[in-house]
Amino acid sequence: MPHPTWCPIALLAASLCACAAPAPPPASTERPIAVPIAPAAPPAAPEAPPDAASPPEVEIRGHQILLDGRLVGDAKSIAELGRLTKIDELFVQLEARRARESDRGAPAQGEIAVVADEAVAWVVVESVSRTAAFAGYPLALLRTGVGGLRFRTPMPGPPEESASEPPRFEFAVDVRERDVELSLFELTVAPPSASEGGGFVRTLVKREVVGPQRERASAALAELAEAACAKAPRTCLDRIGLRAVPGASLADVKEIVSTTLARARQWKERPPGSKPEILLLGALPREGRFTGPPGAPPSLRMTSMDVSGRLQPTEIQQAVRARFGGLRKCYEDGLRRDPNLAGRIAVRFVIGRDGKVTTVTEGALPPASSPPSAASAPMPDRAVVSCVLREFEKLTFPAPEGGVVTVVYPLMFSPGS
């Protein structure tokens, strides 16, 4: 440091002191925030720590997951594993930061910024967002290339929707390995008797399955949304529910939904600054398959079973319920052809002395115990009927006492709501 007498005489005494004193230590060791410097501007106030000045930034760079420049996870291992993964170090760091924000009276829901290359596997992006959500940051602004997507991870808790809102539409996008499934639901207000504390009833309006090409899926979603918005009484595209298989890339997801989001303002007048939201729904398995909206799977239930022979009805029910996955798959295939498909099937089968099924046919339906409805009428889709009968051929039961057993097992199928 030069001696104070080397400073120019024209400087003020305060400048002389500053010239002689040692440089003060930096106010923070955190990464500084870049600020443009304007000529002749007054001295800037000391910078606040990053967690007080801006939301945390998570960057997915190559194989690394960084939080404000600090390594907190391995993107490569998550992509190779191919399933949602809690990123422990990211969770610990974000939880601690959220606690500091809460002490300062920050909003109840935190938001993070996520920066990623479009080639990154979607399962990595989703693992980051879900880890952040459980640490107190359910909102995220995803920046990739030009533009970005705002999305939210739903958390357990009371319903967010107010039963006083008018009807609206909701879209669901399933990005699978061999195709993309697009669904449109209409939401209507439900009375308290229909759902605890009121809420909404989701009614499937249309479901469309298109090929894996991003451009085709994007165009199909935009057309579906535009048709719905033409009939909506107010802003219609409030959110898009999203699922994707682990093999999907961020580019797949972005291209499919971004066109629709960009065009949403053209369809209905939206409040200033409002944007449609992407809602992260339950992840799809590696092999894509049909899934309905959360909490609304297709309904499959038994009505009155008729048993002739010496085998406990509970043992029969247990064996049939063990194959409900296959039976539901038969029905879901039918729902792809007709989203409003519903009906009953009476399966008549014979259980041999060794417990194996020897004969399976379609039996006569017993009278419906409830008022007539689409679900109580005979199943109109014969392919679904044939598929259900084949599933019953695979059943095995405990060996019955005293000979064969004949069973008529009625099943009622109806879409989720």
Protein backbone atom coordinates (compact mmCIF):
# COMPACT_ATOMS: atom_id res chain seq x y z
CA MET A 1 0.00 0.00 0.00
CA PRO A 2 1.54 3.41 -0.92
CA HIS A 3 2.30 5.93 1.81
CA PRO A 4 -0.48 8.53 2.38
CA THR A 5 1.76 11.39 1.29
CA TRP A 6 1.80 9.90 -2.24
CA CYS A 7 -1.87 10.75 -2.72
CA PRO A 8 -2.64 13.96 -4.70
CA ILE A 9 -2.87 17.12 -2.57
CA ALA A 10 -6.16 18.11 -4.22
CA LEU A 11 -8.01 15.18 -2.60
CA LEU A 12 -10.13 15.74 0.49
CA ALA A 13 -9.00 14.58 3.90
CA ALA A 14 -11.46 11.72 3.81
CA SER A 15 -9.91 10.54 0.57
CA LEU A 16 -6.46 10.70 2.13
CA CYS A 17 -7.65 8.47 4.95
CA ALA A 18 -9.20 6.04 2.53
CA CYS A 19 -6.04 6.02 0.52
CA ALA A 20 -3.98 5.11 3.57
CA ALA A 21 -6.34 2.61 5.23
CA PRO A 22 -6.25 -1.04 4.29
CA ALA A 23 -9.06 -2.31 2.02
CA PRO A 24 -12.10 -3.50 4.03
CA PRO A 25 -12.94 -7.21 3.87
CA PRO A 26 -15.76 -8.21 1.46
CA ALA A 27 -19.25 -8.09 2.99
CA SER A 28 -20.09 -11.63 1.92
CA THR A 29 -18.35 -14.69 0.56
CA GLU A 30 -21.47 -15.62 -1.42
CA ARG A 31 -21.42 -15.31 -5.21
CA PRO A 32 -22.12 -11.63 -6.03
CA ILE A 33 -25.00 -10.55 -8.22
CA ALA A 34 -23.93 -8.83 -11.44
CA VAL A 35 -25.15 -5.21 -11.60
CA PRO A 36 -24.61 -2.89 -14.60
CA ILE A 37 -22.43 0.11 -13.73
CA ALA A 38 -23.71 3.53 -14.84
CA PRO A 39 -21.36 6.51 -15.12
CA ALA A 40 -21.45 9.03 -12.27
CA ALA A 41 -23.82 6.82 -10.25
CA PRO A 42 -23.77 7.11 -6.47
CA PRO A 43 -22.04 4.33 -4.58
CA ALA A 44 -24.17 1.18 -4.47
CA ALA A 45 -25.45 -0.15 -1.17
CA PRO A 46 -23.80 -3.32 0.10
CA GLU A 47 -25.15 -6.40 -1.68
CA ALA A 48 -27.55 -8.65 0.21
CA PRO A 49 -26.87 -12.37 0.42
CA PRO A 50 -28.28 -14.27 -2.61
CA ASP A 51 -31.05 -15.91 -0.58
CA ALA A 52 -32.39 -12.46 0.32
CA ALA A 53 -32.09 -10.86 -3.12
CA SER A 54 -33.35 -13.51 -5.56
CA PRO A 55 -34.79 -17.02 -5.70
CA PRO A 56 -32.32 -19.89 -5.58
CA GLU A 57 -31.01 -20.97 -8.97
CA VAL A 58 -30.58 -24.64 -9.81
CA GLU A 59 -28.50 -25.33 -12.89
CA ILE A 60 -28.34 -28.69 -14.65
CA ARG A 61 -25.03 -28.53 -16.45
CA GLY A 62 -23.84 -31.72 -18.11
CA HIS A 63 -23.67 -34.37 -15.38
CA GLN A 64 -23.81 -31.82 -12.57
CA ILE A 65 -26.67 -30.30 -10.60
CA LEU A 66 -25.62 -26.96 -9.09
CA LEU A 67 -27.36 -24.77 -6.54
CA ASP A 68 -26.13 -21.17 -6.86
CA GLY A 69 -22.92 -22.55 -8.35
CA ARG A 70 -22.38 -25.25 -5.71
CA LEU A 71 -22.44 -28.94 -6.65
CA VAL A 72 -25.43 -30.66 -5.01
CA GLY A 73 -26.27 -33.66 -7.25
CA ASP A 74 -25.40 -35.99 -10.10
CA ALA A 75 -27.67 -35.71 -13.14
CA LYS A 76 -26.08 -38.67 -14.93
CA SER A 77 -26.93 -41.19 -12.21
CA ILE A 78 -30.57 -40.04 -12.14
CA ALA A 79 -30.87 -40.35 -15.93
CA GLU A 80 -29.31 -43.82 -15.86
CA LEU A 81 -31.56 -44.93 -13.01
CA GLY A 82 -34.58 -43.77 -15.01
CA ARG A 83 -36.89 -42.89 -12.13
CA LEU A 84 -37.69 -39.98 -9.83
CA THR A 85 -34.95 -39.53 -7.25
CA LYS A 86 -34.71 -37.36 -4.16
CA ILE A 87 -31.52 -35.29 -4.40
CA ASP A 88 -30.41 -35.27 -0.76
CA GLU A 89 -27.84 -32.46 -0.79
CA LEU A 90 -30.13 -30.21 -2.83
CA PHE A 91 -32.93 -30.88 -0.34
CA VAL A 92 -30.74 -30.07 2.69
CA GLN A 93 -29.46 -26.81 1.20
CA LEU A 94 -32.87 -25.62 0.01
CA GLU A 95 -34.58 -26.55 3.28
CA ALA A 96 -32.04 -24.52 5.27
CA ARG A 97 -32.43 -21.57 2.94
CA ARG A 98 -36.21 -21.78 3.11
CA ALA A 99 -36.04 -21.68 6.91
CA ARG A 100 -34.05 -18.44 6.72
CA GLU A 101 -36.57 -16.96 4.31
CA SER A 102 -39.47 -17.94 6.56
CA ASP A 103 -37.80 -16.18 9.50
CA ARG A 104 -37.87 -13.00 7.40
CA GLY A 105 -41.58 -13.41 6.64
CA ALA A 106 -41.25 -14.71 3.07
CA PRO A 107 -44.41 -15.94 1.23
CA ALA A 108 -45.72 -19.39 2.11
CA GLN A 109 -44.72 -20.84 -1.26
CA GLY A 110 -41.15 -20.41 -2.46
CA GLU A 111 -40.02 -20.29 -6.08
CA ILE A 112 -36.80 -21.47 -7.67
CA ALA A 113 -35.18 -20.83 -11.03
CA VAL A 114 -34.08 -23.90 -12.99
CA VAL A 115 -31.64 -23.55 -15.87
CA ALA A 116 -31.11 -26.58 -18.11
CA ASP A 117 -30.06 -27.58 -21.59
CA GLU A 118 -32.88 -28.97 -23.75
CA ALA A 119 -31.07 -32.29 -24.16
CA VAL A 120 -31.30 -33.12 -20.44
CA ALA A 121 -33.55 -36.05 -19.50
CA TRP A 122 -36.95 -34.95 -18.22
CA VAL A 123 -36.61 -37.28 -15.21
CA VAL A 124 -33.69 -35.11 -14.02
CA VAL A 125 -35.74 -31.91 -14.30
CA GLU A 126 -38.64 -33.55 -12.48
CA SER A 127 -36.37 -34.93 -9.74
CA VAL A 128 -35.01 -31.43 -9.16
CA SER A 129 -38.49 -29.87 -9.05
CA ARG A 130 -39.96 -32.47 -6.71
CA THR A 131 -36.98 -32.31 -4.37
CA ALA A 132 -37.33 -28.52 -4.30
CA ALA A 133 -41.08 -28.76 -3.67
CA PHE A 134 -40.62 -30.89 -0.55
CA ALA A 135 -37.97 -28.43 0.64
CA GLY A 136 -40.50 -25.58 0.41
CA TYR A 137 -40.21 -24.47 -3.23
CA PRO A 138 -43.19 -25.90 -5.19
CA LEU A 139 -43.02 -23.19 -7.86
CA ALA A 140 -40.35 -23.14 -10.54
CA LEU A 141 -39.42 -21.06 -13.54
CA LEU A 142 -37.65 -23.30 -16.02
CA ARG A 143 -35.34 -21.42 -18.36
CA THR A 144 -34.00 -23.24 -21.38
CA GLY A 145 -32.90 -21.69 -24.66
CA VAL A 146 -35.21 -18.85 -25.65
CA GLY A 147 -38.13 -18.36 -23.27
CA GLY A 148 -39.15 -20.50 -20.35
CA LEU A 149 -41.91 -22.51 -18.70
CA ARG A 150 -43.47 -21.92 -15.31
CA PHE A 151 -44.55 -25.05 -13.51
CA ARG A 152 -45.74 -26.17 -10.10
CA THR A 153 -45.44 -29.41 -8.16
CA PRO A 154 -48.64 -30.19 -6.21
CA MET A 155 -48.10 -30.89 -2.53
CA PRO A 156 -50.31 -32.73 -0.02
CA GLY A 157 -52.80 -30.46 1.64
CA PRO A 158 -56.29 -28.96 1.28
CA PRO A 159 -57.71 -28.38 -2.22
CA GLU A 160 -56.44 -25.22 -3.85
CA GLU A 161 -59.49 -24.68 -5.99
CA SER A 162 -62.37 -22.60 -4.73
CA ALA A 163 -65.84 -24.02 -5.29
CA SER A 164 -67.05 -20.49 -6.08
CA GLU A 165 -65.14 -20.40 -9.37
CA PRO A 166 -67.10 -20.86 -12.60
CA PRO A 167 -66.60 -23.96 -14.79
CA ARG A 168 -63.35 -24.21 -16.66
CA PHE A 169 -61.23 -26.64 -18.63
CA GLU A 170 -58.16 -28.63 -17.75
CA PHE A 171 -55.73 -30.36 -20.09
CA ALA A 172 -53.57 -33.39 -19.45
CA VAL A 173 -50.53 -34.34 -21.54
CA ASP A 174 -48.89 -37.76 -21.23
CA VAL A 175 -45.58 -37.90 -23.11
CA ARG A 176 -44.94 -41.61 -23.55
CA GLU A 177 -42.36 -43.66 -25.39
CA ARG A 178 -44.36 -44.47 -28.52
CA ASP A 179 -47.08 -41.79 -28.50
CA VAL A 180 -48.50 -38.75 -26.74
CA GLU A 181 -51.92 -38.83 -25.10
CA LEU A 182 -53.89 -35.57 -24.86
CA SER A 183 -56.99 -35.26 -22.67
CA LEU A 184 -59.46 -32.44 -22.17
CA PHE A 185 -61.54 -32.28 -18.98
CA GLU A 186 -64.35 -29.92 -18.07
CA LEU A 187 -64.43 -28.86 -14.42
CA THR A 188 -67.79 -28.14 -12.81
CA VAL A 189 -68.56 -27.10 -9.27
CA ALA A 190 -69.50 -30.04 -7.07
CA PRO A 191 -71.85 -29.72 -4.09
CA PRO A 192 -70.43 -30.55 -0.64
CA SER A 193 -72.24 -33.89 -0.73
CA ALA A 194 -70.29 -34.95 -3.84
CA SER A 195 -66.86 -34.14 -2.46
CA GLU A 196 -65.68 -33.25 1.00
CA GLY A 197 -66.00 -29.50 1.42
CA GLY A 198 -67.13 -29.02 -2.19
CA GLY A 199 -64.61 -28.75 -5.04
CA PHE A 200 -64.78 -29.81 -8.68
CA VAL A 201 -65.96 -32.74 -10.73
CA ARG A 202 -63.79 -33.57 -13.76
CA THR A 203 -65.63 -34.80 -16.83
CA LEU A 204 -63.64 -36.17 -19.73
CA VAL A 205 -64.61 -34.29 -22.90
CA LYS A 206 -62.11 -35.68 -25.40
CA ARG A 207 -59.03 -37.88 -25.44
CA GLU A 208 -56.67 -38.11 -28.40
CA VAL A 209 -53.57 -40.23 -28.95
CA VAL A 210 -51.03 -39.04 -31.53
CA GLY A 211 -47.66 -40.35 -32.66
CA PRO A 212 -44.37 -39.58 -30.93
CA GLN A 213 -43.50 -36.69 -33.27
CA ARG A 214 -43.25 -33.50 -31.21
CA GLU A 215 -44.59 -31.25 -33.98
CA ARG A 216 -47.70 -33.37 -34.46
CA ALA A 217 -48.39 -33.60 -30.73
CA SER A 218 -47.89 -29.85 -30.33
CA ALA A 219 -50.32 -29.08 -33.14
CA ALA A 220 -52.90 -31.52 -31.79
CA LEU A 221 -52.75 -29.97 -28.31
CA ALA A 222 -53.08 -26.46 -29.71
CA GLU A 223 -56.12 -27.47 -31.77
CA LEU A 224 -57.73 -29.19 -28.78
CA ALA A 225 -57.17 -26.15 -26.58
CA GLU A 226 -58.37 -23.69 -29.22
CA ALA A 227 -61.61 -25.64 -29.74
CA ALA A 228 -62.25 -25.71 -25.98
CA CYS A 229 -61.44 -22.03 -25.54
CA ALA A 230 -63.94 -21.05 -28.20
CA LYS A 231 -66.72 -22.33 -25.91
CA ALA A 232 -65.30 -21.23 -22.58
CA PRO A 233 -67.07 -18.44 -20.64
CA ARG A 234 -63.78 -16.98 -19.44
CA THR A 235 -60.02 -17.68 -19.53
CA CYS A 236 -59.91 -21.35 -20.38
CA LEU A 237 -56.30 -22.47 -20.42
CA ASP A 238 -55.41 -22.02 -16.77
CA ARG A 239 -53.14 -25.02 -16.55
CA ILE A 240 -51.84 -28.10 -18.30
CA GLY A 241 -51.25 -31.26 -16.28
CA LEU A 242 -48.06 -32.94 -17.46
CA ARG A 243 -46.62 -36.44 -17.18
CA ALA A 244 -43.65 -37.87 -19.07
CA VAL A 245 -41.77 -41.15 -19.19
CA PRO A 246 -38.15 -41.08 -17.96
CA GLY A 247 -36.89 -41.46 -21.53
CA ALA A 248 -38.38 -38.14 -22.61
CA SER A 249 -36.11 -35.14 -22.93
CA LEU A 250 -36.75 -31.59 -21.84
CA ALA A 251 -36.94 -30.70 -25.54
CA ASP A 252 -39.83 -33.17 -25.99
CA VAL A 253 -41.85 -31.59 -23.21
CA LYS A 254 -41.04 -28.00 -24.14
CA GLU A 255 -41.92 -28.32 -27.81
CA ILE A 256 -45.22 -30.07 -27.14
CA VAL A 257 -46.61 -27.51 -24.67
CA SER A 258 -44.86 -24.25 -25.56
CA THR A 259 -46.81 -23.60 -28.77
CA THR A 260 -50.11 -23.91 -26.94
CA LEU A 261 -48.95 -21.67 -24.11
CA ALA A 262 -47.72 -19.04 -26.55
CA ARG A 263 -51.08 -18.97 -28.35
CA ALA A 264 -53.24 -18.98 -25.22
CA ARG A 265 -53.48 -15.17 -25.08
CA GLN A 266 -55.09 -15.11 -28.52
CA TRP A 267 -58.07 -17.24 -27.46
CA LYS A 268 -59.36 -15.38 -24.41
CA GLU A 269 -58.54 -12.15 -22.66
CA ARG A 270 -56.33 -12.91 -19.68
CA PRO A 271 -55.62 -10.71 -16.65
CA PRO A 272 -52.41 -8.66 -17.06
CA GLY A 273 -49.33 -10.67 -16.25
CA SER A 274 -51.16 -13.99 -15.89
CA LYS A 275 -49.85 -17.04 -17.68
CA PRO A 276 -51.08 -20.62 -17.98
CA GLU A 277 -49.39 -22.94 -15.53
CA ILE A 278 -47.88 -26.37 -16.05
CA LEU A 279 -48.79 -28.75 -13.25
CA LEU A 280 -46.43 -31.68 -12.69
CA LEU A 281 -48.56 -34.78 -12.19
CA GLY A 282 -47.48 -38.29 -11.17
CA ALA A 283 -44.62 -39.61 -13.26
CA LEU A 284 -45.26 -42.24 -15.91
CA PRO A 285 -43.41 -45.56 -15.69
CA ARG A 286 -40.71 -46.41 -18.21
CA GLU A 287 -43.23 -48.27 -20.37
CA GLY A 288 -45.94 -45.68 -21.02
CA ARG A 289 -49.52 -46.72 -20.31
CA PHE A 290 -52.90 -45.14 -19.77
CA THR A 291 -53.32 -43.11 -16.59
CA GLY A 292 -56.24 -40.92 -15.67
CA PRO A 293 -56.00 -37.65 -13.74
CA PRO A 294 -54.81 -37.90 -10.12
CA GLY A 295 -57.46 -39.36 -7.85
CA ALA A 296 -59.73 -40.28 -10.77
CA PRO A 297 -58.76 -43.70 -12.19
CA PRO A 298 -61.28 -45.67 -14.24
CA SER A 299 -63.78 -47.36 -11.93
CA LEU A 300 -63.97 -51.16 -11.83
CA ARG A 301 -66.17 -52.84 -9.23
CA MET A 302 -68.09 -56.02 -8.63
CA THR A 303 -71.86 -56.12 -8.09
CA SER A 304 -73.71 -59.24 -6.84
CA MET A 305 -71.75 -62.48 -7.34
CA ASP A 306 -73.55 -65.85 -7.72
CA VAL A 307 -71.66 -68.98 -6.57
CA SER A 308 -72.81 -72.57 -7.08
CA GLY A 309 -70.50 -75.00 -5.24
CA ARG A 310 -68.37 -75.27 -2.13
CA LEU A 311 -65.85 -72.45 -2.29
CA GLN A 312 -65.91 -69.39 -0.08
CA PRO A 313 -66.94 -66.17 -1.91
CA THR A 314 -64.09 -64.33 -0.18
CA GLU A 315 -61.56 -66.72 -1.77
CA ILE A 316 -63.10 -66.09 -5.18
CA GLN A 317 -62.99 -62.33 -4.66
CA GLN A 318 -59.35 -62.42 -3.59
CA ALA A 319 -58.31 -64.32 -6.71
CA VAL A 320 -60.25 -61.99 -9.04
CA ARG A 321 -58.98 -58.85 -7.33
CA ALA A 322 -55.43 -60.08 -7.84
CA ARG A 323 -56.05 -59.70 -11.60
CA PHE A 324 -57.76 -56.31 -11.43
CA GLY A 325 -54.72 -54.77 -13.13
CA GLY A 326 -55.26 -56.87 -16.24
CA LEU A 327 -59.02 -56.28 -16.17
CA ARG A 328 -58.52 -52.54 -15.88
CA LYS A 329 -56.10 -52.64 -18.81
CA CYS A 330 -58.84 -54.22 -20.95
CA TYR A 331 -61.14 -51.35 -20.08
CA GLU A 332 -58.49 -48.67 -20.57
CA ASP A 333 -57.90 -49.95 -24.11
CA GLY A 334 -61.62 -49.42 -24.71
CA LEU A 335 -61.44 -45.91 -23.27
CA ARG A 336 -58.89 -45.02 -25.93
CA ARG A 337 -61.53 -45.77 -28.53
CA ASP A 338 -64.38 -44.13 -26.60
CA PRO A 339 -63.52 -41.84 -23.64
CA ASN A 340 -67.08 -42.19 -22.30
CA LEU A 341 -67.22 -45.98 -22.53
CA ALA A 342 -69.11 -47.65 -19.67
CA GLY A 343 -71.04 -50.85 -19.03
CA ARG A 344 -71.37 -54.17 -17.19
CA ILE A 345 -70.00 -57.60 -18.03
CA ALA A 346 -71.21 -60.81 -16.39
CA VAL A 347 -68.42 -63.41 -16.51
CA ARG A 348 -69.57 -67.03 -16.06
CA PHE A 349 -66.72 -69.43 -15.29
CA VAL A 350 -66.22 -72.93 -13.93
CA ILE A 351 -63.55 -73.85 -11.38
CA GLY A 352 -62.31 -77.44 -11.67
CA ARG A 353 -61.36 -79.80 -8.86
CA ASP A 354 -57.73 -78.64 -9.03
CA GLY A 355 -58.69 -74.95 -8.68
CA LYS A 356 -58.03 -74.07 -12.31
CA VAL A 357 -60.61 -72.39 -14.55
CA THR A 358 -61.98 -74.82 -17.14
CA THR A 359 -64.65 -72.74 -18.90
CA VAL A 360 -65.24 -69.00 -19.32
CA THR A 361 -68.25 -67.48 -21.11
CA GLU A 362 -70.28 -64.29 -21.00
CA GLY A 363 -73.29 -64.83 -18.74
CA ALA A 364 -76.62 -63.10 -18.36
CA LEU A 365 -76.53 -59.86 -16.41
CA PRO A 366 -78.52 -59.83 -13.16
CA PRO A 367 -80.96 -56.93 -12.71
CA ALA A 368 -79.23 -53.69 -11.73
CA SER A 369 -79.78 -52.74 -8.09
CA SER A 370 -79.46 -49.00 -8.78
CA PRO A 371 -81.24 -46.67 -11.23
CA PRO A 372 -80.37 -47.32 -14.90
CA SER A 373 -77.18 -45.69 -16.14
CA ALA A 374 -74.53 -46.19 -18.81
CA ALA A 375 -72.45 -48.19 -16.33
CA SER A 376 -75.36 -50.57 -15.57
CA ALA A 377 -76.09 -51.34 -19.24
CA PRO A 378 -74.31 -54.20 -21.08
CA MET A 379 -70.73 -53.35 -22.14
CA PRO A 380 -71.04 -52.21 -25.78
CA ASP A 381 -67.36 -52.73 -26.70
CA ARG A 382 -66.97 -56.39 -27.66
CA ALA A 383 -63.18 -56.15 -27.66
CA VAL A 384 -63.30 -55.22 -23.98
CA VAL A 385 -65.61 -58.15 -23.28
CA SER A 386 -63.29 -60.62 -25.03
CA CYS A 387 -60.26 -59.24 -23.21
CA VAL A 388 -61.97 -59.58 -19.81
CA LEU A 389 -62.93 -63.18 -20.54
CA ARG A 390 -59.31 -64.01 -21.43
CA GLU A 391 -58.16 -62.54 -18.12
CA PHE A 392 -60.54 -64.86 -16.22
CA GLU A 393 -59.07 -67.86 -18.02
CA LYS A 394 -55.76 -67.14 -16.23
CA LEU A 395 -57.23 -67.33 -12.72
CA THR A 396 -56.43 -70.06 -10.20
CA PHE A 397 -58.29 -70.77 -6.96
CA PRO A 398 -57.95 -73.02 -3.91
CA ALA A 399 -59.11 -76.58 -4.76
CA PRO A 400 -62.86 -76.61 -3.99
CA GLU A 401 -64.40 -79.21 -1.69
CA GLY A 402 -66.88 -81.63 -3.21
CA GLY A 403 -66.45 -80.97 -6.92
CA VAL A 404 -66.55 -78.14 -9.41
CA VAL A 405 -67.80 -74.61 -8.72
CA THR A 406 -69.73 -72.38 -11.10
CA VAL A 407 -69.54 -68.61 -10.64
CA VAL A 408 -71.26 -65.65 -12.29
CA TYR A 409 -69.15 -62.59 -11.57
CA PRO A 410 -70.64 -59.24 -12.74
CA LEU A 411 -68.26 -56.31 -13.22
CA MET A 412 -69.22 -52.66 -13.69
CA PHE A 413 -66.88 -50.31 -15.61
CA SER A 414 -67.14 -46.52 -15.68
CA PRO A 415 -64.73 -43.65 -16.49
CA GLY A 416 -63.07 -41.74 -13.66
CA SER A 417 -64.58 -38.39 -12.71
